[in-house]
Amino acid sequence: MSTTLTFTFDTLQYSKRLKDAGMEPKVAEAEAQILSETLSAALGSAALVTKQDLENAVNQVKIEVSNERAKIIQWVAALLIAQAGAIVALTKLIP
């Protein structure tokens, strides 16, 4: 389950701080608008996830690892049985 996160950027507060720092009002407002558009474009295309999303993904990986571990154990057991059978057969063939 993916949760959509929203990001808000207060362009008015940002431009006010720039003006208070001595930047010309038109330049401060333009910079605030450009930064807002840039952040929206960057964060709008980014895949942001929540802590719950990460926990779900980790749990899914743990389940998959556990399943693969069981398959490996089954293969090793089957190979050990086959090896034991081969050894028995060879000892009977070789006098």
Foldseek 3Di string as FASTA:
>chain_A
DFDDDDDDDDLVVQLVVVVVVPDDSVVSSVVSVVVRVVCCVVVVPDRDGDPVVVVVVVVVVVVVVVVVVVVVVVVVVVVVVVVVVVVVVVVVVPD
